Amino acid sequence: MHKFLANGRLWCEVVRQNVGSTSSRRPPFGFCSRLHDAVKPTPAFTGVGVSRKRHTAAAAEEPHDDVSKAGLARPAVAFPLAAAVPPSHQAPVVDAKALISEISKSVGLPASAAAATAVVTATTAKGNAVLSKEAADEAKEEPVVVASITSLPGFSRLIYHYMMLSKIRLTSLVVMTTMAGYAMAPGAFDLGTFLLCSAGTTLVSGAANSINQVIETSFDAQMARTRNRVLVKGYLSRLHAVGFALGASTIGCSMLYFGVNEMTAALGAANLILYTSIYTPMKRYSILNTWVGSFVGAIPPLMGWAACTGGDLGAGAWILAGLLYCWQFPHFNALSWNIRPEYLKAGYKMMANSHPALCTRVSLRHTGFITGLSLLAPALDVTNWWFALETLPLNAYFGYLAWDFHQKADSKSSRKLFRFSLLHLPLLMALFLLNKKYWLFGESKEADALALHVSGDTKDKAGEYLVPNIVAEVGGNSASNGSIKAIEDSLLPNIATVLPTPGKQKL
């Protein structure tokens, strides 16, 4: 800064000497004289020998003859910056705000800009002072860090990467449909089974999505929607992702098999294989991948239903799975319509690219199937008839948006259909749950008693045999034989059955 001021002062001296022939002693730029006033002469400039007077209002009224002609005639001497200000000389203290204000007025900057510049200068100086103070404090006293698992560098980031590797939003949707299937099943609610089913489904779904990203890493890098995934960015290696998937799938299937039942575990393992081995490779070869992917989305509610009923998949389970299957066509087709160039660039075979008319037609067709299944649910005694009436306007508007998408086939209509599909599914599931036909909360004992009565079991709670109705049996035999001898013959075996023997009740 002091070199800049010294150079500016020399420039002002040259300007003053060159304008001596004019009628005014005022320099062409207003800030030269003020800069000279702010900066006092230093010993570095004593050899210049320039005589001048301070530029004030009184001096401006003085006659021009008072100016020293010898000083004006003396040639200007240019000093190099290094010689102008020796290193041993301390730079003069200058008011930075006044200097910035004068320069701004000279070059025509507004006052607000000058004020902002001054604020930035002051803030920078203050920040440097604060940083210097903090550095000094840190040098004096260094804090002691207590190490733990949760405070280790990168641990929380690793958990975040695992969540992204599992496609946490898609996994959450899968788990929610599994919970819905459990809640809608006509069975007694058991919290332990419910939690094990949800946790196992979460791990299996996360493993499937991890394998999907491992297979499609090079293709995900070509799409704007997927280029920020953890494997594309290199946050985790592909081998690391495979190890995570193997561990999650093993633990998840074990929880479903040992903690829930065999049917739920089999459905989970089948869905894992279907998604990773059939659906994911098929996306690059055939548009049938959309139908296979819809089957994958329809299995989670079956898992929840089987977990609640002990493996029994009734009519309600298949209606619920059918609703999820049909819902995915308008949802995914509307989503893929706006990113067709990305799918085409990555080499994926989608209806929106190769068969656009089929894409819109399939979406409209399956909204009609959803309406039909909603009407079939009360007919099969799965829900009450209020479910059909309440879902009718919801499905009608869904069908209208699909019809609009089919007619216009543009980005606006597809976007409307996609956004409403995100609202349609949770509303449909909520209405299904509220209107289901059978609710069992703590009714297992009554159900067991009813089954005992229907089966005709004659054991009581203590495991003892009850006394038979001898009179009814004797009367039946006597009516058939018609003699006292026959009654005596039939009475003896009946009495023998009630004699005091081990394990039988005494008379």
Protein backbone atom coordinates (compact mmCIF):
# COMPACT_ATOMS: atom_id res chain seq x y z
CA MET A 1 0.00 0.00 0.00
CA HIS A 2 2.82 2.44 0.82
CA LYS A 3 4.39 1.77 -2.59
CA PHE A 4 1.10 2.61 -4.26
CA LEU A 5 0.85 5.89 -2.31
CA ALA A 6 4.42 6.85 -3.15
CA ASN A 7 3.89 6.20 -6.84
CA GLY A 8 0.67 8.20 -6.77
CA ARG A 9 2.40 11.13 -5.11
CA LEU A 10 5.09 11.22 -7.78
CA TRP A 11 2.41 11.16 -10.46
CA CYS A 12 0.69 14.13 -8.84
CA GLU A 13 3.98 16.06 -8.83
CA VAL A 14 4.41 15.51 -12.55
CA VAL A 15 0.85 16.62 -13.26
CA ARG A 16 1.27 19.82 -11.24
CA GLN A 17 4.44 20.79 -13.10
CA ASN A 18 3.01 20.12 -16.55
CA VAL A 19 -0.09 22.28 -16.08
CA GLY A 20 1.83 25.39 -14.95
CA SER A 21 1.06 27.24 -18.17
CA THR A 22 -2.69 27.09 -17.61
CA SER A 23 -4.68 29.81 -15.87
CA SER A 24 -5.56 27.59 -12.95
CA ARG A 25 -3.29 25.79 -10.60
CA ARG A 26 -5.92 23.08 -9.95
CA PRO A 27 -4.79 19.69 -11.22
CA PRO A 28 -6.95 17.83 -13.78
CA PHE A 29 -7.97 15.27 -11.18
CA GLY A 30 -9.39 16.40 -7.90
CA PHE A 31 -7.92 13.71 -5.76
CA CYS A 32 -4.27 14.63 -6.44
CA SER A 33 -4.18 17.58 -4.11
CA ARG A 34 -6.12 15.85 -1.41
CA LEU A 35 -3.87 12.87 -1.66
CA HIS A 36 -0.93 15.25 -1.24
CA ASP A 37 -2.60 16.74 1.83
CA ALA A 38 -3.19 13.33 3.37
CA VAL A 39 0.35 12.13 2.82
CA LYS A 40 3.09 14.27 4.34
CA PRO A 41 6.45 14.57 2.57
CA THR A 42 8.93 11.94 3.57
CA PRO A 43 12.73 12.02 3.49
CA ALA A 44 12.66 9.78 0.44
CA PHE A 45 11.52 12.72 -1.68
CA THR A 46 13.84 15.48 -0.40
CA GLY A 47 16.01 15.25 -3.48
CA VAL A 48 13.22 16.24 -5.79
CA GLY A 49 13.48 19.92 -4.94
CA VAL A 50 9.97 20.84 -6.07
CA SER A 51 8.47 23.92 -4.43
CA ARG A 52 4.70 24.16 -4.34
CA LYS A 53 2.02 25.48 -2.10
CA ARG A 54 -0.83 23.70 -0.53
CA HIS A 55 -3.88 23.73 -2.79
CA THR A 56 -6.54 25.51 -0.81
CA ALA A 57 -9.27 27.97 -1.56
CA ALA A 58 -7.04 30.92 -0.49
CA ALA A 59 -4.20 29.73 -2.63
CA ALA A 60 -6.49 29.44 -5.63
CA GLU A 61 -7.20 33.21 -5.43
CA GLU A 62 -3.50 34.17 -5.33
CA PRO A 63 -1.97 35.50 -8.54
CA HIS A 64 -0.22 33.02 -10.77
CA ASP A 65 3.04 34.97 -10.55
CA ASP A 66 3.60 33.85 -6.97
CA VAL A 67 4.35 30.42 -8.11
CA SER A 68 8.05 29.66 -8.16
CA LYS A 69 9.12 29.64 -11.78
CA ALA A 70 12.24 27.77 -10.94
CA GLY A 71 10.13 25.00 -9.46
CA LEU A 72 7.95 24.85 -12.55
CA ALA A 73 10.88 24.80 -14.91
CA ARG A 74 12.66 22.04 -13.05
CA PRO A 75 12.21 18.73 -14.84
CA ALA A 76 10.33 15.95 -13.11
CA VAL A 77 12.38 13.16 -11.69
CA ALA A 78 10.89 9.64 -11.76
CA PHE A 79 11.95 7.44 -8.87
CA PRO A 80 11.57 3.69 -9.06
CA LEU A 81 9.24 2.22 -6.46
CA ALA A 82 11.98 0.29 -4.72
CA ALA A 83 14.08 3.43 -4.35
CA ALA A 84 11.14 5.68 -3.55
CA VAL A 85 10.27 3.87 -0.36
CA PRO A 86 13.21 2.19 1.31
CA PRO A 87 12.44 -0.97 3.33
CA SER A 88 13.53 0.70 6.55
CA HIS A 89 11.03 3.49 6.14
CA GLN A 90 7.63 2.96 7.76
CA ALA A 91 4.63 3.69 5.54
CA PRO A 92 2.49 6.67 6.55
CA VAL A 93 -0.89 6.09 8.09
CA VAL A 94 -3.65 6.96 5.63
CA ASP A 95 -7.41 7.13 6.18
CA ALA A 96 -8.64 4.32 3.92
CA LYS A 97 -12.26 5.51 3.90
CA ALA A 98 -11.33 9.05 2.83
CA LEU A 99 -9.01 7.74 0.12
CA ILE A 100 -11.67 5.39 -1.31
CA SER A 101 -14.26 8.16 -1.23
CA GLU A 102 -12.03 10.58 -3.16
CA ILE A 103 -11.13 8.01 -5.81
CA SER A 104 -14.79 7.07 -6.22
CA LYS A 105 -15.80 10.68 -6.77
CA SER A 106 -13.06 11.16 -9.34
CA VAL A 107 -13.97 8.14 -11.44
CA GLY A 108 -17.71 8.70 -11.08
CA LEU A 109 -18.75 5.81 -8.81
CA PRO A 110 -21.96 6.25 -6.79
CA ALA A 111 -21.79 6.83 -3.07
CA SER A 112 -23.36 3.47 -2.31
CA ALA A 113 -20.62 1.63 -4.18
CA ALA A 114 -17.96 3.60 -2.35
CA ALA A 115 -19.62 2.84 0.96
CA ALA A 116 -19.85 -0.83 0.10
CA THR A 117 -16.16 -0.90 -0.82
CA ALA A 118 -15.28 0.76 2.46
CA VAL A 119 -17.37 -1.78 4.36
CA VAL A 120 -15.63 -4.64 2.57
CA THR A 121 -12.23 -3.16 3.40
CA ALA A 122 -13.10 -2.73 7.05
CA THR A 123 -14.64 -6.20 7.26
CA THR A 124 -11.55 -7.77 5.71
CA ALA A 125 -9.25 -6.03 8.15
CA LYS A 126 -11.45 -7.02 11.06
CA GLY A 127 -11.61 -10.62 9.84
CA ASN A 128 -7.84 -10.82 9.57
CA ALA A 129 -7.54 -9.54 13.12
CA VAL A 130 -10.05 -12.11 14.41
CA LEU A 131 -8.29 -14.94 12.57
CA SER A 132 -4.96 -13.88 14.00
CA LYS A 133 -6.46 -13.87 17.48
CA GLU A 134 -8.02 -17.32 17.00
CA ALA A 135 -4.76 -18.70 15.69
CA ALA A 136 -2.97 -17.38 18.73
CA ASP A 137 -5.57 -18.92 21.05
CA GLU A 138 -5.30 -22.28 19.31
CA ALA A 139 -1.54 -22.17 19.60
CA LYS A 140 -1.78 -21.50 23.32
CA GLU A 141 -4.30 -24.19 24.21
CA GLU A 142 -5.11 -27.19 22.06
CA PRO A 143 -8.38 -29.09 22.85
CA VAL A 144 -8.38 -32.77 23.69
CA VAL A 145 -10.59 -34.91 21.38
CA VAL A 146 -12.26 -37.93 22.95
CA ALA A 147 -12.54 -40.69 20.33
CA SER A 148 -15.67 -42.83 19.99
CA ILE A 149 -17.34 -44.85 17.26
CA THR A 150 -19.85 -42.16 16.39
CA SER A 151 -17.25 -39.38 16.41
CA LEU A 152 -14.72 -41.11 14.19
CA PRO A 153 -14.08 -39.22 10.94
CA GLY A 154 -16.18 -40.61 8.11
CA PHE A 155 -18.48 -42.85 10.17
CA SER A 156 -21.62 -40.78 9.71
CA ARG A 157 -20.65 -40.18 6.10
CA LEU A 158 -20.37 -43.95 5.57
CA ILE A 159 -23.88 -44.45 6.96
CA TYR A 160 -25.13 -41.75 4.60
CA HIS A 161 -23.45 -43.50 1.66
CA TYR A 162 -25.08 -46.79 2.62
CA MET A 163 -28.46 -45.07 2.66
CA MET A 164 -27.84 -43.61 -0.79
CA LEU A 165 -26.60 -46.98 -2.02
CA SER A 166 -29.86 -48.54 -0.82
CA LYS A 167 -31.94 -45.85 -2.61
CA ILE A 168 -33.51 -44.88 0.67
CA ARG A 169 -36.61 -43.23 -0.84
CA LEU A 170 -37.45 -46.25 -3.00
CA THR A 171 -36.73 -48.60 -0.11
CA SER A 172 -39.04 -46.54 2.12
CA LEU A 173 -41.85 -46.94 -0.41
CA VAL A 174 -41.30 -50.71 -0.54
CA VAL A 175 -41.38 -50.98 3.26
CA MET A 176 -44.53 -48.85 3.46
CA THR A 177 -46.38 -51.14 1.04
CA THR A 178 -45.21 -54.14 3.08
CA MET A 179 -46.56 -52.54 6.25
CA ALA A 180 -49.81 -51.80 4.45
CA GLY A 181 -50.14 -55.44 3.44
CA TYR A 182 -49.59 -56.52 7.06
CA ALA A 183 -52.13 -54.03 8.38
CA MET A 184 -54.80 -54.95 5.82
CA ALA A 185 -54.57 -58.70 6.33
CA PRO A 186 -57.37 -60.36 8.37
CA GLY A 187 -55.13 -61.52 11.18
CA ALA A 188 -54.19 -60.56 14.72
CA PHE A 189 -51.59 -57.80 14.93
CA ASP A 190 -48.31 -58.87 16.53
CA LEU A 191 -45.77 -56.11 17.10
CA GLY A 192 -42.71 -58.38 17.09
CA THR A 193 -43.60 -60.00 13.78
CA PHE A 194 -44.48 -56.61 12.31
CA LEU A 195 -41.11 -55.10 13.23
CA LEU A 196 -39.12 -58.11 12.05
CA CYS A 197 -40.97 -58.12 8.75
CA SER A 198 -40.33 -54.39 8.24
CA ALA A 199 -36.63 -54.64 9.15
CA GLY A 200 -36.05 -57.71 6.99
CA THR A 201 -37.79 -56.09 4.02
CA THR A 202 -35.66 -52.96 4.45
CA LEU A 203 -32.42 -54.96 4.31
CA VAL A 204 -33.49 -57.08 1.35
CA SER A 205 -34.66 -54.05 -0.61
CA GLY A 206 -31.44 -52.18 0.18
CA ALA A 207 -29.38 -55.15 -1.02
CA ALA A 208 -31.33 -55.33 -4.28
CA ASN A 209 -30.86 -51.63 -4.98
CA SER A 210 -27.14 -51.88 -4.19
CA ILE A 211 -26.65 -54.69 -6.73
CA ASN A 212 -28.64 -52.64 -9.23
CA GLN A 213 -26.21 -49.72 -8.85
CA VAL A 214 -23.19 -52.01 -9.12
CA ILE A 215 -24.43 -53.35 -12.46
CA GLU A 216 -25.44 -49.95 -13.86
CA THR A 217 -22.53 -47.79 -12.65
CA SER A 218 -21.23 -46.98 -16.14
CA PHE A 219 -24.74 -46.24 -17.42
CA ASP A 220 -25.70 -44.09 -14.44
CA ALA A 221 -22.75 -41.81 -15.22
CA GLN A 222 -24.43 -40.84 -18.52
CA MET A 223 -27.70 -39.63 -16.98
CA ALA A 224 -28.19 -36.36 -15.13
CA ARG A 225 -30.67 -38.03 -12.77
CA THR A 226 -28.19 -40.67 -11.63
CA ARG A 227 -24.72 -39.19 -12.17
CA ASN A 228 -24.45 -38.15 -8.51
CA ARG A 229 -24.82 -41.65 -7.07
CA VAL A 230 -22.17 -42.88 -4.67
CA LEU A 231 -20.59 -45.43 -7.02
CA VAL A 232 -20.48 -42.99 -9.93
CA LYS A 233 -18.80 -40.36 -7.75
CA GLY A 234 -16.38 -42.93 -6.36
CA TYR A 235 -17.35 -42.47 -2.72
CA LEU A 236 -17.54 -46.27 -2.39
CA SER A 237 -15.95 -48.98 -4.49
CA ARG A 238 -17.99 -51.57 -6.33
CA LEU A 239 -16.45 -54.34 -4.23
CA HIS A 240 -17.51 -52.47 -1.10
CA ALA A 241 -21.06 -52.20 -2.45
CA VAL A 242 -21.17 -55.94 -3.26
CA GLY A 243 -20.03 -56.77 0.28
CA PHE A 244 -22.72 -54.52 1.73
CA ALA A 245 -25.38 -56.15 -0.46
CA LEU A 246 -24.34 -59.67 0.52
CA GLY A 247 -24.40 -58.84 4.22
CA ALA A 248 -27.74 -57.01 4.06
CA SER A 249 -29.44 -59.73 2.00
CA THR A 250 -28.20 -62.51 4.26
CA ILE A 251 -29.33 -60.79 7.44
CA GLY A 252 -32.63 -59.68 5.92
CA CYS A 253 -33.62 -63.11 4.58
CA SER A 254 -32.62 -64.72 7.89
CA MET A 255 -34.84 -62.30 9.81
CA LEU A 256 -37.77 -63.07 7.50
CA TYR A 257 -37.25 -66.84 7.70
CA PHE A 258 -36.58 -67.30 11.41
CA GLY A 259 -38.51 -64.31 12.75
CA VAL A 260 -41.59 -64.29 10.50
CA ASN A 261 -42.32 -67.39 8.39
CA GLU A 262 -41.11 -69.35 5.38
CA MET A 263 -43.55 -67.83 2.89
CA THR A 264 -42.46 -64.27 3.64
CA ALA A 265 -38.79 -65.22 3.35
CA ALA A 266 -39.40 -67.01 0.05
CA LEU A 267 -41.20 -63.99 -1.39
CA GLY A 268 -38.39 -61.69 -0.28
CA ALA A 269 -35.67 -63.87 -1.80
CA ALA A 270 -37.66 -64.26 -5.03
CA ASN A 271 -38.07 -60.51 -5.30
CA LEU A 272 -34.34 -59.99 -4.75
CA ILE A 273 -33.46 -62.41 -7.56
CA LEU A 274 -36.16 -61.01 -9.87
CA TYR A 275 -34.96 -57.43 -9.46
CA THR A 276 -31.22 -58.02 -9.74
CA SER A 277 -31.03 -60.92 -12.22
CA ILE A 278 -33.97 -60.30 -14.58
CA TYR A 279 -35.29 -56.76 -14.36
CA THR A 280 -31.95 -54.89 -14.22
CA PRO A 281 -30.31 -56.61 -17.27
CA MET A 282 -33.58 -56.53 -19.23
CA LYS A 283 -33.68 -52.71 -19.14
CA ARG A 284 -31.08 -52.66 -21.93
CA TYR A 285 -32.72 -55.23 -24.18
CA SER A 286 -36.52 -55.07 -24.07
CA ILE A 287 -39.40 -52.80 -23.10
CA LEU A 288 -40.85 -55.76 -21.19
CA ASN A 289 -38.69 -54.63 -18.29
CA THR A 290 -41.57 -52.33 -17.26
CA TRP A 291 -43.89 -55.30 -16.77
CA VAL A 292 -41.23 -57.24 -14.85
CA GLY A 293 -40.56 -54.21 -12.67
CA SER A 294 -44.27 -53.96 -11.90
CA PHE A 295 -44.22 -57.55 -10.64
CA VAL A 296 -41.31 -56.58 -8.40
CA GLY A 297 -43.37 -53.74 -6.94
CA ALA A 298 -46.40 -55.97 -6.38
CA ILE A 299 -44.59 -58.54 -4.18
CA PRO A 300 -43.96 -56.42 -1.02
CA PRO A 301 -47.68 -56.22 -0.02
CA LEU A 302 -47.85 -60.00 -0.44
CA MET A 303 -44.95 -60.29 2.00
CA GLY A 304 -46.76 -58.19 4.58
CA TRP A 305 -49.99 -60.16 4.14
CA ALA A 306 -48.17 -63.49 4.49
CA ALA A 307 -46.38 -62.25 7.61
CA CYS A 308 -49.68 -61.43 9.30
CA THR A 309 -51.65 -64.52 8.28
CA GLY A 310 -48.86 -67.07 8.73
CA GLY A 311 -48.33 -67.61 5.01
CA ASP A 312 -51.95 -67.73 3.83
CA LEU A 313 -52.45 -65.55 0.72
CA GLY A 314 -56.17 -64.99 0.32
CA ALA A 315 -58.19 -62.97 -2.17
CA GLY A 316 -57.39 -59.70 -0.41
CA ALA A 317 -53.65 -60.25 -0.85
CA TRP A 318 -53.99 -60.65 -4.61
CA ILE A 319 -56.27 -57.61 -4.94
CA LEU A 320 -53.79 -55.51 -3.02
CA ALA A 321 -50.90 -56.80 -5.14
CA GLY A 322 -52.95 -56.12 -8.29
CA LEU A 323 -53.51 -52.52 -7.24
CA LEU A 324 -49.76 -52.02 -6.75
CA TYR A 325 -49.03 -53.73 -10.06
CA CYS A 326 -51.41 -51.53 -12.06
CA TRP A 327 -50.43 -48.30 -10.30
CA GLN A 328 -46.81 -48.56 -11.43
CA PHE A 329 -47.60 -48.21 -15.14
CA PRO A 330 -49.03 -44.67 -15.10
CA HIS A 331 -46.51 -43.70 -12.44
CA PHE A 332 -43.37 -44.88 -14.22
CA ASN A 333 -44.49 -44.08 -17.76
CA ALA A 334 -45.23 -40.50 -16.78
CA LEU A 335 -41.86 -40.28 -15.04
CA SER A 336 -39.88 -41.69 -17.98
CA TRP A 337 -41.62 -39.43 -20.51
CA ASN A 338 -39.73 -36.30 -19.44
CA ILE A 339 -36.33 -37.98 -19.31
CA ARG A 340 -36.50 -39.82 -22.61
CA PRO A 341 -33.27 -38.28 -23.95
CA GLU A 342 -31.35 -39.47 -20.90
CA TYR A 343 -32.65 -43.04 -21.20
CA LEU A 344 -31.82 -42.99 -24.90
CA LYS A 345 -28.31 -41.71 -24.24
CA ALA A 346 -27.65 -44.38 -21.59
CA GLY A 347 -28.97 -47.14 -23.87
CA TYR A 348 -32.08 -48.18 -21.90
CA LYS A 349 -35.06 -49.64 -23.76
CA MET A 350 -38.15 -47.78 -22.59
CA MET A 351 -41.65 -47.48 -23.99
CA ALA A 352 -41.40 -43.70 -23.89
CA ASN A 353 -38.60 -43.84 -26.49
CA SER A 354 -39.39 -46.71 -28.80
CA HIS A 355 -43.21 -46.94 -28.43
CA PRO A 356 -44.57 -43.56 -27.27
CA ALA A 357 -48.17 -44.35 -28.29
CA LEU A 358 -48.04 -47.65 -26.37
CA CYS A 359 -46.63 -45.82 -23.37
CA THR A 360 -49.63 -43.48 -23.07
CA ARG A 361 -52.13 -46.21 -23.93
CA VAL A 362 -50.81 -48.61 -21.27
CA SER A 363 -50.99 -45.87 -18.67
CA LEU A 364 -54.63 -45.19 -19.45
CA ARG A 365 -55.51 -48.89 -19.55
CA HIS A 366 -54.11 -49.63 -16.10
CA THR A 367 -55.90 -46.73 -14.45
CA GLY A 368 -59.08 -48.48 -15.60
CA PHE A 369 -57.83 -51.73 -14.07
CA ILE A 370 -57.33 -49.95 -10.75
CA THR A 371 -60.97 -48.85 -10.78
CA GLY A 372 -62.09 -52.39 -11.53
CA LEU A 373 -60.05 -53.90 -8.69
CA SER A 374 -61.43 -51.29 -6.29
CA LEU A 375 -64.95 -52.44 -7.18
CA LEU A 376 -63.96 -56.12 -6.93
CA ALA A 377 -62.62 -55.83 -3.36
CA PRO A 378 -66.05 -55.51 -1.67
CA ALA A 379 -67.53 -58.11 -3.99
CA LEU A 380 -64.98 -60.66 -2.71
CA ASP A 381 -65.70 -59.69 0.89
CA VAL A 382 -62.27 -58.09 1.38
CA THR A 383 -63.57 -54.58 2.13
CA ASN A 384 -66.99 -53.04 2.64
CA TRP A 385 -68.88 -51.27 -0.12
CA TRP A 386 -67.87 -47.86 1.17
CA PHE A 387 -64.42 -48.54 -0.24
CA ALA A 388 -65.80 -48.74 -3.77
CA LEU A 389 -67.77 -45.51 -3.33
CA GLU A 390 -64.93 -43.57 -1.70
CA THR A 391 -62.31 -44.58 -4.24
CA LEU A 392 -64.54 -43.91 -7.24
CA PRO A 393 -63.83 -40.14 -7.52
CA LEU A 394 -60.14 -40.71 -6.73
CA ASN A 395 -59.75 -43.29 -9.47
CA ALA A 396 -61.89 -41.24 -11.86
CA TYR A 397 -59.58 -38.24 -11.62
CA PHE A 398 -56.56 -40.51 -11.98
CA GLY A 399 -58.09 -41.90 -15.14
CA TYR A 400 -58.83 -38.41 -16.44
CA LEU A 401 -55.18 -37.40 -16.07
CA ALA A 402 -54.13 -40.58 -17.88
CA TRP A 403 -56.61 -39.77 -20.66
CA ASP A 404 -55.19 -36.26 -20.95
CA PHE A 405 -51.69 -37.73 -21.14
CA HIS A 406 -52.86 -40.14 -23.83
CA GLN A 407 -54.40 -37.33 -25.91
CA LYS A 408 -51.69 -34.68 -25.59
CA ALA A 409 -48.55 -36.77 -24.94
CA ASP A 410 -46.55 -33.76 -23.78
CA SER A 411 -44.40 -32.86 -20.79
CA LYS A 412 -47.10 -30.88 -19.01
CA SER A 413 -49.69 -33.68 -19.00
CA SER A 414 -47.11 -36.31 -18.03
CA ARG A 415 -45.92 -34.15 -15.16
CA LYS A 416 -49.47 -33.78 -13.84
CA LEU A 417 -50.04 -37.54 -14.02
CA PHE A 418 -46.77 -38.30 -12.24
CA ARG A 419 -47.40 -35.84 -9.40
CA PHE A 420 -50.93 -37.10 -8.78
CA SER A 421 -49.72 -40.71 -8.78
CA LEU A 422 -47.59 -39.86 -5.75
CA LEU A 423 -50.76 -38.75 -3.96
CA HIS A 424 -53.05 -41.45 -5.34
CA LEU A 425 -51.26 -44.48 -3.88
CA PRO A 426 -51.18 -43.45 -0.18
CA LEU A 427 -54.82 -42.30 -0.36
CA LEU A 428 -55.88 -45.60 -1.94
CA MET A 429 -54.01 -47.61 0.69
CA ALA A 430 -55.49 -45.56 3.52
CA LEU A 431 -59.04 -46.08 2.25
CA PHE A 432 -58.37 -49.82 1.84
CA LEU A 433 -57.19 -50.00 5.44
CA LEU A 434 -60.09 -48.00 6.87
CA ASN A 435 -62.70 -50.06 5.03
CA LYS A 436 -61.29 -53.57 5.40
CA LYS A 437 -63.87 -56.14 6.41
CA TYR A 438 -62.21 -57.97 9.31
CA TRP A 439 -60.37 -56.38 12.21
CA LEU A 440 -58.68 -58.68 14.71
CA PHE A 441 -57.12 -57.03 17.76
CA GLY A 442 -56.89 -59.38 20.73
CA GLU A 443 -59.60 -61.70 19.35
CA SER A 444 -57.33 -64.70 19.00
CA LYS A 445 -58.68 -66.35 22.18
CA GLU A 446 -62.28 -66.10 21.05
CA ALA A 447 -61.28 -67.43 17.64
CA ASP A 448 -59.49 -70.38 19.25
CA ALA A 449 -62.53 -71.14 21.39
CA LEU A 450 -64.76 -71.03 18.34
CA ALA A 451 -62.47 -73.39 16.47
CA LEU A 452 -62.46 -75.76 19.47
CA HIS A 453 -66.25 -75.84 19.53
CA VAL A 454 -66.53 -76.46 15.79
CA SER A 455 -63.94 -79.25 15.83
CA GLY A 456 -65.91 -81.17 18.48
CA ASP A 457 -62.98 -81.64 20.81
CA THR A 458 -64.22 -82.87 24.21
CA LYS A 459 -61.16 -81.92 26.23
CA ASP A 460 -61.43 -79.19 28.81
CA LYS A 461 -58.70 -76.76 29.85
CA ALA A 462 -57.12 -79.30 32.27
CA GLY A 463 -56.88 -81.97 29.58
CA GLU A 464 -59.48 -84.27 31.31
CA TYR A 465 -62.32 -86.07 29.51
CA LEU A 466 -65.85 -84.91 30.19
CA VAL A 467 -68.61 -87.31 31.38
CA PRO A 468 -70.56 -88.61 28.37
CA ASN A 469 -74.31 -88.29 28.14
CA ILE A 470 -75.29 -91.85 29.04
CA VAL A 471 -78.99 -91.21 29.04
CA ALA A 472 -79.01 -90.00 25.47
CA GLU A 473 -76.95 -92.95 24.31
CA VAL A 474 -79.05 -95.46 26.26
CA GLY A 475 -82.24 -93.93 25.00
CA GLY A 476 -81.03 -94.17 21.45
CA ASN A 477 -80.08 -97.81 21.84
CA SER A 478 -83.29 -98.70 23.65
CA ALA A 479 -85.36 -97.17 20.93
CA SER A 480 -83.64 -99.32 18.40
CA ASN A 481 -83.67 -102.62 20.31
CA GLY A 482 -86.87 -102.22 22.35
CA SER A 483 -85.91 -104.47 25.34
CA ILE A 484 -84.51 -104.19 28.87
CA LYS A 485 -81.78 -106.66 28.00
CA ALA A 486 -80.56 -104.44 25.24
CA ILE A 487 -80.54 -101.46 27.60
CA GLU A 488 -78.42 -103.37 30.11
CA ASP A 489 -76.03 -104.50 27.42
CA SER A 490 -75.53 -100.93 26.19
CA LEU A 491 -75.27 -99.52 29.72
CA LEU A 492 -72.34 -101.66 30.77
CA PRO A 493 -69.89 -100.28 28.15
CA ASN A 494 -70.97 -96.72 28.94
CA ILE A 495 -70.38 -97.17 32.65
CA ALA A 496 -66.96 -98.62 31.89
CA THR A 497 -65.99 -95.40 30.13
CA VAL A 498 -66.57 -93.33 33.26
CA LEU A 499 -64.97 -95.61 35.82
CA PRO A 500 -62.14 -93.98 37.84
CA THR A 501 -59.06 -94.63 35.80
CA PRO A 502 -55.86 -92.56 35.49
CA GLY A 503 -56.52 -89.48 33.42
CA LYS A 504 -60.31 -89.66 33.64
CA GLN A 505 -62.75 -87.71 35.75
CA LYS A 506 -64.37 -89.46 38.73
CA LEU A 507 -68.16 -89.61 39.14
